[in-house]
Amino acid sequence: MSTQANKPLTIVATIKAKSEHVEQVKTELLKLTAASQDDKGCIQYDLHQENANSNGFVVYEIWENNDCLQQHVQSPHFQNYVQVTDDMVDEFIVTEMTAIS
């Protein structure tokens, strides 16, 4: 029997940039996305921007497993994103999920 631990891990990260930093955050998210798509175990990594509220971004990610996700979180490109955008973001919410059907 397969457990959730054996299944790919889905991440939905919601980012709200401060209005005066939308373009800088967008630029950094685009760089992060390009680098992350090449990370070991990355199945999918897509960046979206809200239509009605341009300071809102969603990153939709699928990782082979939690170990691959943790390697991504520790990667230089992810750590750089966190450091560079530290004072530019009002909200950064990460939701971890596992597909059940």
Protein backbone atom coordinates (compact mmCIF):
# COMPACT_ATOMS: atom_id res chain seq x y z
CA MET A 1 0.00 0.00 0.00
CA SER A 2 1.33 3.43 -0.96
CA THR A 3 1.50 6.11 1.72
CA GLN A 4 1.45 9.85 1.27
CA ALA A 5 5.16 9.87 2.12
CA ASN A 6 5.84 7.95 -1.10
CA LYS A 7 3.82 10.33 -3.26
CA PRO A 8 4.89 13.56 -4.92
CA LEU A 9 4.53 16.64 -2.75
CA THR A 10 2.53 19.62 -4.02
CA ILE A 11 3.35 23.11 -2.79
CA VAL A 12 1.27 26.24 -3.25
CA ALA A 13 3.16 29.34 -2.16
CA THR A 14 1.19 32.57 -1.97
CA ILE A 15 3.22 35.77 -2.02
CA LYS A 16 1.90 39.31 -1.52
CA ALA A 17 4.46 41.90 -2.52
CA LYS A 18 4.40 45.39 -1.03
CA SER A 19 2.90 47.67 -3.68
CA GLU A 20 6.10 49.67 -4.11
CA HIS A 21 8.11 46.47 -4.72
CA VAL A 22 5.90 44.49 -7.11
CA GLU A 23 8.28 44.65 -10.06
CA GLN A 24 11.36 43.77 -7.99
CA VAL A 25 9.60 40.80 -6.38
CA LYS A 26 8.34 39.67 -9.79
CA THR A 27 11.87 39.84 -11.20
CA GLU A 28 13.26 37.81 -8.30
CA LEU A 29 10.43 35.25 -8.56
CA LEU A 30 11.12 34.83 -12.29
CA LYS A 31 14.81 34.18 -11.54
CA LEU A 32 13.87 31.75 -8.77
CA THR A 33 11.44 29.91 -11.04
CA ALA A 34 13.98 29.47 -13.83
CA ALA A 35 16.59 28.09 -11.42
CA SER A 36 14.14 25.91 -9.49
CA GLN A 37 12.83 24.16 -12.58
CA ASP A 38 16.28 22.56 -12.87
CA ASP A 39 16.42 21.41 -9.24
CA LYS A 40 16.68 17.68 -8.58
CA GLY A 41 13.22 16.19 -8.11
CA CYS A 42 11.30 19.15 -9.48
CA ILE A 43 8.33 17.84 -11.47
CA GLN A 44 6.58 21.18 -11.95
CA TYR A 45 7.31 24.76 -10.88
CA ASP A 46 5.02 27.47 -12.24
CA LEU A 47 4.73 31.14 -11.33
CA HIS A 48 1.40 32.97 -11.59
CA GLN A 49 0.47 36.62 -11.05
CA GLU A 50 -3.01 37.65 -9.97
CA ASN A 51 -5.04 39.42 -12.67
CA ALA A 52 -7.05 41.66 -10.37
CA ASN A 53 -4.28 42.44 -7.88
CA SER A 54 -0.83 42.62 -9.45
CA ASN A 55 0.99 42.39 -6.11
CA GLY A 56 -0.27 38.83 -5.65
CA PHE A 57 1.74 35.84 -6.86
CA VAL A 58 1.24 32.09 -6.57
CA VAL A 59 3.93 29.50 -7.12
CA TYR A 60 2.60 26.01 -7.89
CA GLU A 61 5.20 23.32 -7.36
CA ILE A 62 5.32 19.53 -7.48
CA TRP A 63 8.32 17.69 -6.02
CA GLU A 64 9.19 13.99 -6.21
CA ASN A 65 9.39 13.87 -2.41
CA ASN A 66 10.05 15.94 0.70
CA ASP A 67 13.83 15.40 0.48
CA CYS A 68 13.89 17.10 -2.93
CA LEU A 69 11.80 19.96 -1.56
CA GLN A 70 14.18 20.40 1.36
CA GLN A 71 17.17 20.49 -1.01
CA HIS A 72 15.36 23.21 -2.97
CA VAL A 73 14.66 25.25 0.19
CA GLN A 74 18.37 25.07 1.09
CA SER A 75 19.56 25.88 -2.45
CA PRO A 76 21.53 29.06 -3.06
CA HIS A 77 18.88 30.42 -5.46
CA PHE A 78 16.04 29.96 -2.94
CA GLN A 79 18.09 31.41 -0.09
CA ASN A 80 19.02 34.36 -2.31
CA TYR A 81 15.34 35.00 -3.11
CA VAL A 82 14.45 35.01 0.60
CA GLN A 83 17.30 37.36 1.45
CA VAL A 84 16.79 39.81 -1.44
CA THR A 85 13.01 40.11 -0.99
CA ASP A 86 12.96 40.09 2.83
CA ASP A 87 11.59 43.65 3.21
CA MET A 88 9.62 43.63 -0.06
CA VAL A 89 6.94 41.07 0.85
CA ASP A 90 3.92 41.48 3.14
CA GLU A 91 2.91 37.82 3.09
CA PHE A 92 4.52 34.50 2.20
CA ILE A 93 2.31 31.47 2.89
CA VAL A 94 3.36 27.95 1.97
CA THR A 95 0.78 25.14 1.82
CA GLU A 96 1.99 21.55 1.46
CA MET A 97 -0.42 19.02 -0.04
CA THR A 98 -0.50 15.48 -1.37
CA ALA A 99 -2.78 14.43 -4.23
CA ILE A 100 -5.43 11.96 -3.11
CA SER A 101 -7.11 11.26 -6.43
